[in-house]
Amino acid sequence: MLISWRTIIVLTFLVALLVGSIVLQIFLSRRESPWPGLVLPGISFLYSLIVMLNVAILFDSSGWAIVSTFLIVFLLYNIPTLVLLVIYFACRGKYRRRREMDKMNAQDLE
C-alpha cells in the first residue's frame, strides 16, 4: 500500500485544522470590533518571524545567500498571513458597507 493509515490520519487532521482556522477567521472578522479578526493573522506573522530567526541561527552563510534565504522564508511563511488578511478585509468590507448605508439612512431621516 502506497499511503499508510498514519499518513491519511495526519492529512485529515491538517485539512481539519486548515478548515477550522478559516472558519474561525471568518467568525472573528465578522465581529463588531475589528480587533478580534486581526488575532490569527498576527499569530501567523509572529510565527513567520520566529522561523526567520531560526533560519538566521541555523545558517552561517553570508552575503546574498542569507538575504535570499530570508526573503524566501519570509514570503513562504507569510502566505497563510496573506490568506487570513484577505478573509479579514473581505468580511470587514461587507460590514463597512452596511455601516455606511446605515449612516446614509440616518441622514435621510433628518
PDB file of N, CA and C in Angstrom:
ATOM      1  N   MET A   1       0.844  -1.173   0.000  1.00  0.00           N
ATOM      2  CA  MET A   1       0.000   0.000   0.000  1.00  0.00           C
ATOM      3  C   MET A   1       0.891   1.239   0.000  1.00  0.00           C
ATOM      4  N   LEU A   2       0.641   2.160  -0.919  1.00  0.00           N
ATOM      5  CA  LEU A   2       1.467   3.343  -1.060  1.00  0.00           C
ATOM      6  C   LEU A   2       1.293   4.328   0.094  1.00  0.00           C
ATOM      7  N   ILE A   3       0.061   4.565   0.477  1.00  0.00           N
ATOM      8  CA  ILE A   3      -0.214   5.527   1.537  1.00  0.00           C
ATOM      9  C   ILE A   3      -0.608   4.759   2.795  1.00  0.00           C
ATOM     10  N   SER A   4       0.081   5.040   3.875  1.00  0.00           N
ATOM     11  CA  SER A   4      -0.229   4.339   5.118  1.00  0.00           C
ATOM     12  C   SER A   4      -1.387   5.028   5.833  1.00  0.00           C
ATOM     13  N   TRP A   5      -1.966   4.343   6.783  1.00  0.00           N
ATOM     14  CA  TRP A   5      -3.070   4.899   7.569  1.00  0.00           C
ATOM     15  C   TRP A   5      -2.615   6.103   8.368  1.00  0.00           C
ATOM     16  N   ARG A   6      -1.388   6.070   8.819  1.00  0.00           N
ATOM     17  CA  ARG A   6      -0.853   7.195   9.590  1.00  0.00           C
ATOM     18  C   ARG A   6      -0.821   8.464   8.745  1.00  0.00           C
ATOM     19  N   THR A   7      -0.440   8.326   7.482  1.00  0.00           N
ATOM     20  CA  THR A   7      -0.415   9.468   6.578  1.00  0.00           C
ATOM     21  C   THR A   7      -1.814  10.011   6.346  1.00  0.00           C
ATOM     22  N   ILE A   8      -2.785   9.126   6.173  1.00  0.00           N
ATOM     23  CA  ILE A   8      -4.170   9.553   5.971  1.00  0.00           C
ATOM     24  C   ILE A   8      -4.687  10.283   7.200  1.00  0.00           C
ATOM     25  N   ILE A   9      -4.381   9.801   8.369  1.00  0.00           N
ATOM     26  CA  ILE A   9      -4.835  10.446   9.605  1.00  0.00           C
ATOM     27  C   ILE A   9      -4.197  11.817   9.761  1.00  0.00           C
ATOM     28  N   VAL A  10      -2.903  11.932   9.474  1.00  0.00           N
ATOM     29  CA  VAL A  10      -2.213  13.214   9.589  1.00  0.00           C
ATOM     30  C   VAL A  10      -2.774  14.212   8.574  1.00  0.00           C
ATOM     31  N   LEU A  11      -2.989  13.778   7.335  1.00  0.00           N
ATOM     32  CA  LEU A  11      -3.548  14.665   6.319  1.00  0.00           C
ATOM     33  C   LEU A  11      -4.959  15.100   6.681  1.00  0.00           C
ATOM     34  N   THR A  12      -5.765  14.194   7.212  1.00  0.00           N
ATOM     35  CA  THR A  12      -7.120  14.540   7.644  1.00  0.00           C
ATOM     36  C   THR A  12      -7.075  15.568   8.762  1.00  0.00           C
ATOM     37  N   PHE A  13      -6.158  15.384   9.709  1.00  0.00           N
ATOM     38  CA  PHE A  13      -6.008  16.342  10.797  1.00  0.00           C
ATOM     39  C   PHE A  13      -5.588  17.710  10.271  1.00  0.00           C
ATOM     40  N   LEU A  14      -4.647  17.750   9.325  1.00  0.00           N
ATOM     41  CA  LEU A  14      -4.188  19.024   8.769  1.00  0.00           C
ATOM     42  C   LEU A  14      -5.287  19.737   7.988  1.00  0.00           C
ATOM     43  N   VAL A  15      -6.076  18.996   7.234  1.00  0.00           N
ATOM     44  CA  VAL A  15      -7.184  19.605   6.495  1.00  0.00           C
ATOM     45  C   VAL A  15      -8.233  20.142   7.467  1.00  0.00           C
ATOM     46  N   ALA A  16      -8.528  19.384   8.531  1.00  0.00           N
ATOM     47  CA  ALA A  16      -9.489  19.851   9.539  1.00  0.00           C
ATOM     48  C   ALA A  16      -8.961  21.107  10.236  1.00  0.00           C
ATOM     49  N   LEU A  17      -7.670  21.155  10.510  1.00  0.00           N
ATOM     50  CA  LEU A  17      -7.068  22.330  11.129  1.00  0.00           C
ATOM     51  C   LEU A  17      -7.147  23.535  10.198  1.00  0.00           C
ATOM     52  N   LEU A  18      -6.900  23.331   8.920  1.00  0.00           N
ATOM     53  CA  LEU A  18      -6.984  24.407   7.939  1.00  0.00           C
ATOM     54  C   LEU A  18      -8.407  24.942   7.825  1.00  0.00           C
ATOM     55  N   VAL A  19      -9.365  24.048   7.682  1.00  0.00           N
ATOM     56  CA  VAL A  19     -10.767  24.459   7.562  1.00  0.00           C
ATOM     57  C   VAL A  19     -11.231  25.141   8.845  1.00  0.00           C
ATOM     58  N   GLY A  20     -10.829  24.604   9.991  1.00  0.00           N
ATOM     59  CA  GLY A  20     -11.204  25.199  11.268  1.00  0.00           C
ATOM     60  C   GLY A  20     -10.639  26.597  11.436  1.00  0.00           C
ATOM     61  N   SER A  21      -9.395  26.808  11.013  1.00  0.00           N
ATOM     62  CA  SER A  21      -8.806  28.142  11.147  1.00  0.00           C
ATOM     63  C   SER A  21      -9.471  29.144  10.209  1.00  0.00           C
ATOM     64  N   ILE A  22      -9.885  28.705   9.035  1.00  0.00           N
ATOM     65  CA  ILE A  22     -10.582  29.601   8.108  1.00  0.00           C
ATOM     66  C   ILE A  22     -11.958  29.957   8.652  1.00  0.00           C
ATOM     67  N   VAL A  23     -12.670  28.971   9.188  1.00  0.00           N
ATOM     68  CA  VAL A  23     -13.987  29.244   9.781  1.00  0.00           C
ATOM     69  C   VAL A  23     -13.841  30.178  10.987  1.00  0.00           C
ATOM     70  N   LEU A  24     -12.829  29.954  11.819  1.00  0.00           N
ATOM     71  CA  LEU A  24     -12.588  30.824  12.968  1.00  0.00           C
ATOM     72  C   LEU A  24     -12.241  32.236  12.516  1.00  0.00           C
ATOM     73  N   GLN A  25     -11.455  32.368  11.463  1.00  0.00           N
ATOM     74  CA  GLN A  25     -11.104  33.696  10.960  1.00  0.00           C
ATOM     75  C   GLN A  25     -12.337  34.422  10.446  1.00  0.00           C
ATOM     76  N   ILE A  26     -13.219  33.724   9.748  1.00  0.00           N
ATOM     77  CA  ILE A  26     -14.451  34.350   9.265  1.00  0.00           C
ATOM     78  C   ILE A  26     -15.306  34.790  10.445  1.00  0.00           C
ATOM     79  N   PHE A  27     -15.424  33.941  11.461  1.00  0.00           N
ATOM     80  CA  PHE A  27     -16.212  34.286  12.641  1.00  0.00           C
ATOM     81  C   PHE A  27     -15.636  35.508  13.349  1.00  0.00           C
ATOM     82  N   LEU A  28     -14.327  35.530  13.551  1.00  0.00           N
ATOM     83  CA  LEU A  28     -13.703  36.656  14.244  1.00  0.00           C
ATOM     84  C   LEU A  28     -13.747  37.936  13.421  1.00  0.00           C
ATOM     85  N   SER A  29     -13.673  37.832  12.105  1.00  0.00           N
ATOM     86  CA  SER A  29     -13.698  39.016  11.251  1.00  0.00           C
ATOM     87  C   SER A  29     -15.073  39.647  11.182  1.00  0.00           C
ATOM     88  N   ARG A  30     -16.098  38.873  11.414  1.00  0.00           N
ATOM     89  CA  ARG A  30     -17.469  39.400  11.356  1.00  0.00           C
ATOM     90  C   ARG A  30     -17.925  40.022  12.668  1.00  0.00           C
ATOM     91  N   ARG A  31     -17.097  40.007  13.669  1.00  0.00           N
ATOM     92  CA  ARG A  31     -17.440  40.633  14.944  1.00  0.00           C
ATOM     93  C   ARG A  31     -17.525  42.146  14.749  1.00  0.00           C
ATOM     94  N   GLU A  32     -18.239  42.803  15.636  1.00  0.00           N
ATOM     95  CA  GLU A  32     -18.401  44.248  15.506  1.00  0.00           C
ATOM     96  C   GLU A  32     -17.073  44.986  15.676  1.00  0.00           C
ATOM     97  N   SER A  33     -16.281  44.558  16.635  1.00  0.00           N
ATOM     98  CA  SER A  33     -14.965  45.152  16.848  1.00  0.00           C
ATOM     99  C   SER A  33     -13.993  44.601  15.800  1.00  0.00           C
ATOM    100  N   PRO A  34     -13.158  45.459  15.240  1.00  0.00           N
ATOM    101  CA  PRO A  34     -12.228  44.963  14.210  1.00  0.00           C
ATOM    102  C   PRO A  34     -11.042  44.186  14.770  1.00  0.00           C
ATOM    103  N   TRP A  35     -10.749  44.277  16.055  1.00  0.00           N
ATOM    104  CA  TRP A  35      -9.543  43.671  16.616  1.00  0.00           C
ATOM    105  C   TRP A  35      -9.544  42.150  16.662  1.00  0.00           C
ATOM    106  N   PRO A  36     -10.637  41.475  16.984  1.00  0.00           N
ATOM    107  CA  PRO A  36     -10.559  40.003  17.033  1.00  0.00           C
ATOM    108  C   PRO A  36     -10.169  39.364  15.695  1.00  0.00           C
ATOM    109  N   GLY A  37     -10.543  39.991  14.598  1.00  0.00           N
ATOM    110  CA  GLY A  37     -10.207  39.448  13.290  1.00  0.00           C
ATOM    111  C   GLY A  37      -8.735  39.546  12.946  1.00  0.00           C
ATOM    112  N   LEU A  38      -7.993  40.350  13.696  1.00  0.00           N
ATOM    113  CA  LEU A  38      -6.562  40.503  13.433  1.00  0.00           C
ATOM    114  C   LEU A  38      -5.694  39.578  14.281  1.00  0.00           C
ATOM    115  N   VAL A  39      -6.316  38.775  15.149  1.00  0.00           N
ATOM    116  CA  VAL A  39      -5.554  37.903  16.042  1.00  0.00           C
ATOM    117  C   VAL A  39      -4.838  36.801  15.263  1.00  0.00           C
ATOM    118  N   LEU A  40      -5.554  36.059  14.443  1.00  0.00           N
ATOM    119  CA  LEU A  40      -4.926  34.957  13.702  1.00  0.00           C
ATOM    120  C   LEU A  40      -3.866  35.435  12.701  1.00  0.00           C
ATOM    121  N   PRO A  41      -4.110  36.518  11.933  1.00  0.00           N
ATOM    122  CA  PRO A  41      -3.020  37.000  11.080  1.00  0.00           C
ATOM    123  C   PRO A  41      -1.808  37.456  11.888  1.00  0.00           C
ATOM    124  N   GLY A  42      -2.035  38.031  13.056  1.00  0.00           N
ATOM    125  CA  GLY A  42      -0.917  38.445  13.905  1.00  0.00           C
ATOM    126  C   GLY A  42      -0.108  37.258  14.399  1.00  0.00           C
ATOM    127  N   ILE A  43      -0.789  36.207  14.812  1.00  0.00           N
ATOM    128  CA  ILE A  43      -0.103  34.993  15.267  1.00  0.00           C
ATOM    129  C   ILE A  43       0.695  34.383  14.119  1.00  0.00           C
ATOM    130  N   SER A  44       0.092  34.361  12.939  1.00  0.00           N
ATOM    131  CA  SER A  44       0.779  33.807  11.768  1.00  0.00           C
ATOM    132  C   SER A  44       2.018  34.625  11.410  1.00  0.00           C
ATOM    133  N   PHE A  45       1.912  35.948  11.501  1.00  0.00           N
ATOM    134  CA  PHE A  45       3.062  36.807  11.208  1.00  0.00           C
ATOM    135  C   PHE A  45       4.171  36.615  12.236  1.00  0.00           C
ATOM    136  N   LEU A  46       3.805  36.531  13.498  1.00  0.00           N
ATOM    137  CA  LEU A  46       4.816  36.296  14.538  1.00  0.00           C
ATOM    138  C   LEU A  46       5.512  34.951  14.343  1.00  0.00           C
ATOM    139  N   TYR A  47       4.753  33.942  13.925  1.00  0.00           N
ATOM    140  CA  TYR A  47       5.344  32.634  13.645  1.00  0.00           C
ATOM    141  C   TYR A  47       6.362  32.729  12.511  1.00  0.00           C
ATOM    142  N   SER A  48       6.042  33.518  11.484  1.00  0.00           N
ATOM    143  CA  SER A  48       6.996  33.668  10.376  1.00  0.00           C
ATOM    144  C   SER A  48       8.272  34.369  10.840  1.00  0.00           C
ATOM    145  N   LEU A  49       8.142  35.327  11.755  1.00  0.00           N
ATOM    146  CA  LEU A  49       9.338  35.981  12.280  1.00  0.00           C
ATOM    147  C   LEU A  49      10.187  35.021  13.113  1.00  0.00           C
ATOM    148  N   ILE A  50       9.533  34.155  13.884  1.00  0.00           N
ATOM    149  CA  ILE A  50      10.262  33.159  14.673  1.00  0.00           C
ATOM    150  C   ILE A  50      11.011  32.203  13.755  1.00  0.00           C
ATOM    151  N   VAL A  51      10.370  31.787  12.670  1.00  0.00           N
ATOM    152  CA  VAL A  51      11.039  30.894  11.717  1.00  0.00           C
ATOM    153  C   VAL A  51      12.228  31.606  11.075  1.00  0.00           C
ATOM    154  N   MET A  52      12.089  32.897  10.771  1.00  0.00           N
ATOM    155  CA  MET A  52      13.212  33.639  10.196  1.00  0.00           C
ATOM    156  C   MET A  52      14.382  33.715  11.164  1.00  0.00           C
ATOM    157  N   LEU A  53      14.095  33.901  12.450  1.00  0.00           N
ATOM    158  CA  LEU A  53      15.176  33.921  13.439  1.00  0.00           C
ATOM    159  C   LEU A  53      15.855  32.562  13.534  1.00  0.00           C
ATOM    160  N   ASN A  54      15.075  31.494  13.417  1.00  0.00           N
ATOM    161  CA  ASN A  54      15.669  30.158  13.422  1.00  0.00           C
ATOM    162  C   ASN A  54      16.552  29.936  12.200  1.00  0.00           C
ATOM    163  N   VAL A  55      16.150  30.471  11.070  1.00  0.00           N
ATOM    164  CA  VAL A  55      16.976  30.362   9.866  1.00  0.00           C
ATOM    165  C   VAL A  55      18.278  31.123  10.069  1.00  0.00           C
ATOM    166  N   ALA A  56      18.210  32.274  10.729  1.00  0.00           N
ATOM    167  CA  ALA A  56      19.426  33.056  10.983  1.00  0.00           C
ATOM    168  C   ALA A  56      20.380  32.307  11.894  1.00  0.00           C
ATOM    169  N   ILE A  57      19.844  31.551  12.842  1.00  0.00           N
ATOM    170  CA  ILE A  57      20.690  30.805  13.761  1.00  0.00           C
ATOM    171  C   ILE A  57      21.288  29.574  13.080  1.00  0.00           C
ATOM    172  N   LEU A  58      20.499  28.903  12.239  1.00  0.00           N
ATOM    173  CA  LEU A  58      20.946  27.646  11.648  1.00  0.00           C
ATOM    174  C   LEU A  58      21.966  27.821  10.531  1.00  0.00           C
ATOM    175  N   PHE A  59      21.789  28.855   9.714  1.00  0.00           N
ATOM    176  CA  PHE A  59      22.668  29.017   8.570  1.00  0.00           C
ATOM    177  C   PHE A  59      23.750  30.034   8.881  1.00  0.00           C
ATOM    178  N   ASP A  60      24.970  29.684   8.562  1.00  0.00           N
ATOM    179  CA  ASP A  60      26.114  30.543   8.836  1.00  0.00           C
ATOM    180  C   ASP A  60      26.639  31.210   7.573  1.00  0.00           C
ATOM    181  N   SER A  61      25.846  31.231   6.521  1.00  0.00           N
ATOM    182  CA  SER A  61      26.332  31.825   5.279  1.00  0.00           C
ATOM    183  C   SER A  61      26.282  33.351   5.375  1.00  0.00           C
ATOM    184  N   SER A  62      26.902  34.001   4.421  1.00  0.00           N
ATOM    185  CA  SER A  62      26.933  35.453   4.445  1.00  0.00           C
ATOM    186  C   SER A  62      26.586  35.986   3.062  1.00  0.00           C
ATOM    187  N   GLY A  63      26.330  37.264   2.997  1.00  0.00           N
ATOM    188  CA  GLY A  63      26.078  37.914   1.721  1.00  0.00           C
ATOM    189  C   GLY A  63      24.678  37.672   1.203  1.00  0.00           C
ATOM    190  N   TRP A  64      24.608  37.531  -0.118  1.00  0.00           N
ATOM    191  CA  TRP A  64      23.316  37.411  -0.773  1.00  0.00           C
ATOM    192  C   TRP A  64      22.631  36.091  -0.485  1.00  0.00           C
ATOM    193  N   ALA A  65      23.367  35.085  -0.132  1.00  0.00           N
ATOM    194  CA  ALA A  65      22.759  33.783   0.152  1.00  0.00           C
ATOM    195  C   ALA A  65      21.832  33.867   1.353  1.00  0.00           C
ATOM    196  N   ILE A  66      22.264  34.534   2.399  1.00  0.00           N
ATOM    197  CA  ILE A  66      21.421  34.639   3.581  1.00  0.00           C
ATOM    198  C   ILE A  66      20.256  35.592   3.337  1.00  0.00           C
ATOM    199  N   VAL A  67      20.480  36.650   2.563  1.00  0.00           N
ATOM    200  CA  VAL A  67      19.398  37.595   2.251  1.00  0.00           C
ATOM    201  C   VAL A  67      18.327  36.903   1.424  1.00  0.00           C
ATOM    202  N   SER A  68      18.742  36.145   0.425  1.00  0.00           N
ATOM    203  CA  SER A  68      17.758  35.446  -0.401  1.00  0.00           C
ATOM    204  C   SER A  68      17.034  34.368   0.400  1.00  0.00           C
ATOM    205  N   THR A  69      17.744  33.704   1.306  1.00  0.00           N
ATOM    206  CA  THR A  69      17.094  32.702   2.157  1.00  0.00           C
ATOM    207  C   THR A  69      16.080  33.357   3.068  1.00  0.00           C
ATOM    208  N   PHE A  70      16.436  34.496   3.667  1.00  0.00           N
ATOM    209  CA  PHE A  70      15.487  35.238   4.497  1.00  0.00           C
ATOM    210  C   PHE A  70      14.249  35.626   3.713  1.00  0.00           C
ATOM    211  N   LEU A  71      14.459  36.135   2.511  1.00  0.00           N
ATOM    212  CA  LEU A  71      13.341  36.590   1.694  1.00  0.00           C
ATOM    213  C   LEU A  71      12.422  35.431   1.320  1.00  0.00           C
ATOM    214  N   ILE A  72      12.986  34.320   0.924  1.00  0.00           N
ATOM    215  CA  ILE A  72      12.180  33.155   0.546  1.00  0.00           C
ATOM    216  C   ILE A  72      11.406  32.624   1.747  1.00  0.00           C
ATOM    217  N   VAL A  73      12.070  32.502   2.888  1.00  0.00           N
ATOM    218  CA  VAL A  73      11.397  32.007   4.099  1.00  0.00           C
ATOM    219  C   VAL A  73      10.301  32.974   4.521  1.00  0.00           C
ATOM    220  N   PHE A  74      10.595  34.272   4.477  1.00  0.00           N
ATOM    221  CA  PHE A  74       9.596  35.275   4.867  1.00  0.00           C
ATOM    222  C   PHE A  74       8.377  35.212   3.962  1.00  0.00           C
ATOM    223  N   LEU A  75       8.595  35.122   2.664  1.00  0.00           N
ATOM    224  CA  LEU A  75       7.466  35.069   1.731  1.00  0.00           C
ATOM    225  C   LEU A  75       6.664  33.779   1.876  1.00  0.00           C
ATOM    226  N   LEU A  76       7.329  32.657   1.997  1.00  0.00           N
ATOM    227  CA  LEU A  76       6.615  31.382   2.098  1.00  0.00           C
ATOM    228  C   LEU A  76       5.815  31.270   3.391  1.00  0.00           C
ATOM    229  N   TYR A  77       6.391  31.712   4.492  1.00  0.00           N
ATOM    230  CA  TYR A  77       5.699  31.582   5.767  1.00  0.00           C
ATOM    231  C   TYR A  77       4.653  32.673   5.994  1.00  0.00           C
ATOM    232  N   ASN A  78       4.574  33.665   5.117  1.00  0.00           N
ATOM    233  CA  ASN A  78       3.537  34.676   5.240  1.00  0.00           C
ATOM    234  C   ASN A  78       2.387  34.461   4.261  1.00  0.00           C
ATOM    235  N   ILE A  79       2.394  33.365   3.526  1.00  0.00           N
ATOM    236  CA  ILE A  79       1.255  33.043   2.670  1.00  0.00           C
ATOM    237  C   ILE A  79      -0.008  32.845   3.518  1.00  0.00           C
ATOM    238  N   PRO A  80       0.052  32.096   4.630  1.00  0.00           N
ATOM    239  CA  PRO A  80      -1.152  31.994   5.471  1.00  0.00           C
ATOM    240  C   PRO A  80      -1.589  33.346   6.044  1.00  0.00           C
ATOM    241  N   THR A  81      -0.631  34.198   6.359  1.00  0.00           N
ATOM    242  CA  THR A  81      -0.969  35.534   6.860  1.00  0.00           C
ATOM    243  C   THR A  81      -1.745  36.313   5.806  1.00  0.00           C
ATOM    244  N   LEU A  82      -1.291  36.241   4.573  1.00  0.00           N
ATOM    245  CA  LEU A  82      -1.987  36.947   3.494  1.00  0.00           C
ATOM    246  C   LEU A  82      -3.383  36.389   3.262  1.00  0.00           C
ATOM    247  N   VAL A  83      -3.530  35.074   3.321  1.00  0.00           N
ATOM    248  CA  VAL A  83      -4.851  34.462   3.141  1.00  0.00           C
ATOM    249  C   VAL A  83      -5.798  34.915   4.260  1.00  0.00           C
ATOM    250  N   LEU A  84      -5.305  34.914   5.488  1.00  0.00           N
ATOM    251  CA  LEU A  84      -6.135  35.349   6.613  1.00  0.00           C
ATOM    252  C   LEU A  84      -6.491  36.829   6.514  1.00  0.00           C
ATOM    253  N   LEU A  85      -5.574  37.653   6.030  1.00  0.00           N
ATOM    254  CA  LEU A  85      -5.874  39.073   5.854  1.00  0.00           C
ATOM    255  C   LEU A  85      -6.876  39.313   4.731  1.00  0.00           C
ATOM    256  N   VAL A  86      -6.805  38.517   3.674  1.00  0.00           N
ATOM    257  CA  VAL A  86      -7.794  38.637   2.596  1.00  0.00           C
ATOM    258  C   VAL A  86      -9.186  38.299   3.127  1.00  0.00           C
ATOM    259  N   ILE A  87      -9.283  37.245   3.924  1.00  0.00           N
ATOM    260  CA  ILE A  87     -10.567  36.888   4.538  1.00  0.00           C
ATOM    261  C   ILE A  87     -11.038  38.023   5.446  1.00  0.00           C
ATOM    262  N   TYR A  88     -10.124  38.578   6.235  1.00  0.00           N
ATOM    263  CA  TYR A  88     -10.464  39.657   7.159  1.00  0.00           C
ATOM    264  C   TYR A  88     -11.023  40.863   6.411  1.00  0.00           C
ATOM    265  N   PHE A  89     -10.306  41.323   5.372  1.00  0.00           N
ATOM    266  CA  PHE A  89     -10.753  42.514   4.657  1.00  0.00           C
ATOM    267  C   PHE A  89     -12.016  42.255   3.846  1.00  0.00           C
ATOM    268  N   ALA A  90     -12.216  41.033   3.378  1.00  0.00           N
ATOM    269  CA  ALA A  90     -13.458  40.716   2.670  1.00  0.00           C
ATOM    270  C   ALA A  90     -14.652  40.791   3.623  1.00  0.00           C
ATOM    271  N   CYS A  91     -14.496  40.245   4.812  1.00  0.00           N
ATOM    272  CA  CYS A  91     -15.586  40.291   5.793  1.00  0.00           C
ATOM    273  C   CYS A  91     -15.798  41.697   6.316  1.00  0.00           C
ATOM    274  N   ARG A  92     -14.728  42.433   6.568  1.00  0.00           N
ATOM    275  CA  ARG A  92     -14.851  43.794   7.092  1.00  0.00           C
ATOM    276  C   ARG A  92     -15.395  44.736   6.032  1.00  0.00           C
ATOM    277  N   GLY A  93     -15.141  44.466   4.750  1.00  0.00           N
ATOM    278  CA  GLY A  93     -15.680  45.314   3.683  1.00  0.00           C
ATOM    279  C   GLY A  93     -17.195  45.282   3.652  1.00  0.00           C
ATOM    280  N   LYS A  94     -17.763  44.097   3.867  1.00  0.00           N
ATOM    281  CA  LYS A  94     -19.223  43.980   3.911  1.00  0.00           C
ATOM    282  C   LYS A  94     -19.780  44.725   5.118  1.00  0.00           C
ATOM    283  N   TYR A  95     -19.085  44.623   6.259  1.00  0.00           N
ATOM    284  CA  TYR A  95     -19.519  45.305   7.469  1.00  0.00           C
ATOM    285  C   TYR A  95     -19.420  46.821   7.284  1.00  0.00           C
ATOM    286  N   ARG A  96     -18.351  47.283   6.641  1.00  0.00           N
ATOM    287  CA  ARG A  96     -18.146  48.708   6.412  1.00  0.00           C
ATOM    288  C   ARG A  96     -19.228  49.267   5.492  1.00  0.00           C
ATOM    289  N   ARG A  97     -19.592  48.541   4.426  1.00  0.00           N
ATOM    290  CA  ARG A  97     -20.642  48.996   3.525  1.00  0.00           C
ATOM    291  C   ARG A  97     -21.982  49.079   4.241  1.00  0.00           C
ATOM    292  N   ARG A  98     -22.253  48.101   5.095  1.00  0.00           N
ATOM    293  CA  ARG A  98     -23.505  48.108   5.849  1.00  0.00           C
ATOM    294  C   ARG A  98     -23.559  49.308   6.788  1.00  0.00           C
ATOM    295  N   ARG A  99     -22.430  49.641   7.410  1.00  0.00           N
ATOM    296  CA  ARG A  99     -22.368  50.776   8.328  1.00  0.00           C
ATOM    297  C   ARG A  99     -22.560  52.093   7.564  1.00  0.00           C
ATOM    298  N   GLU A 100     -21.988  52.216   6.370  1.00  0.00           N
ATOM    299  CA  GLU A 100     -22.173  53.411   5.559  1.00  0.00           C
ATOM    300  C   GLU A 100     -23.623  53.562   5.120  1.00  0.00           C
ATOM    301  N   MET A 101     -24.265  52.449   4.793  1.00  0.00           N
ATOM    302  CA  MET A 101     -25.683  52.516   4.427  1.00  0.00           C
ATOM    303  C   MET A 101     -26.533  52.974   5.610  1.00  0.00           C
ATOM    304  N   ASP A 102     -26.195  52.510   6.797  1.00  0.00           N
ATOM    305  CA  ASP A 102     -26.923  52.949   7.993  1.00  0.00           C
ATOM    306  C   ASP A 102     -26.742  54.443   8.220  1.00  0.00           C
ATOM    307  N   LYS A 103     -25.536  54.968   7.977  1.00  0.00           N
ATOM    308  CA  LYS A 103     -25.290  56.397   8.128  1.00  0.00           C
ATOM    309  C   LYS A 103     -26.103  57.195   7.109  1.00  0.00           C
ATOM    310  N   MET A 104     -26.145  56.708   5.859  1.00  0.00           N
ATOM    311  CA  MET A 104     -26.914  57.410   4.824  1.00  0.00           C
ATOM    312  C   MET A 104     -28.390  57.396   5.153  1.00  0.00           C
ATOM    313  N   ASN A 105     -28.887  56.274   5.661  1.00  0.00           N
ATOM    314  CA  ASN A 105     -30.297  56.189   6.036  1.00  0.00           C
ATOM    315  C   ASN A 105     -30.602  57.140   7.196  1.00  0.00           C
ATOM    316  N   ALA A 106     -29.691  57.273   8.126  1.00  0.00           N
ATOM    317  CA  ALA A 106     -29.890  58.187   9.257  1.00  0.00           C
ATOM    318  C   ALA A 106     -29.879  59.629   8.777  1.00  0.00           C
ATOM    319  N   GLN A 107     -29.034  59.957   7.800  1.00  0.00           N
ATOM    320  CA  GLN A 107     -29.004  61.308   7.280  1.00  0.00           C
ATOM    321  C   GLN A 107     -30.283  61.631   6.484  1.00  0.00           C
ATOM    322  N   ASP A 108     -30.831  60.631   5.813  1.00  0.00           N
ATOM    323  CA  ASP A 108     -32.061  60.838   5.061  1.00  0.00           C
ATOM    324  C   ASP A 108     -33.245  61.122   5.993  1.00  0.00           C
ATOM    325  N   LEU A 109     -33.222  60.580   7.192  1.00  0.00           N
ATOM    326  CA  LEU A 109     -34.298  60.781   8.139  1.00  0.00           C
ATOM    327  C   LEU A 109     -34.268  62.175   8.767  1.00  0.00           C
ATOM    328  N   GLU A 110     -33.122  62.839   8.712  1.00  0.00           N
ATOM    329  CA  GLU A 110     -33.013  64.171   9.340  1.00  0.00           C
ATOM    330  C   GLU A 110     -33.670  65.234   8.539  1.00  0.00           C
TER     331      GLU A 110
END
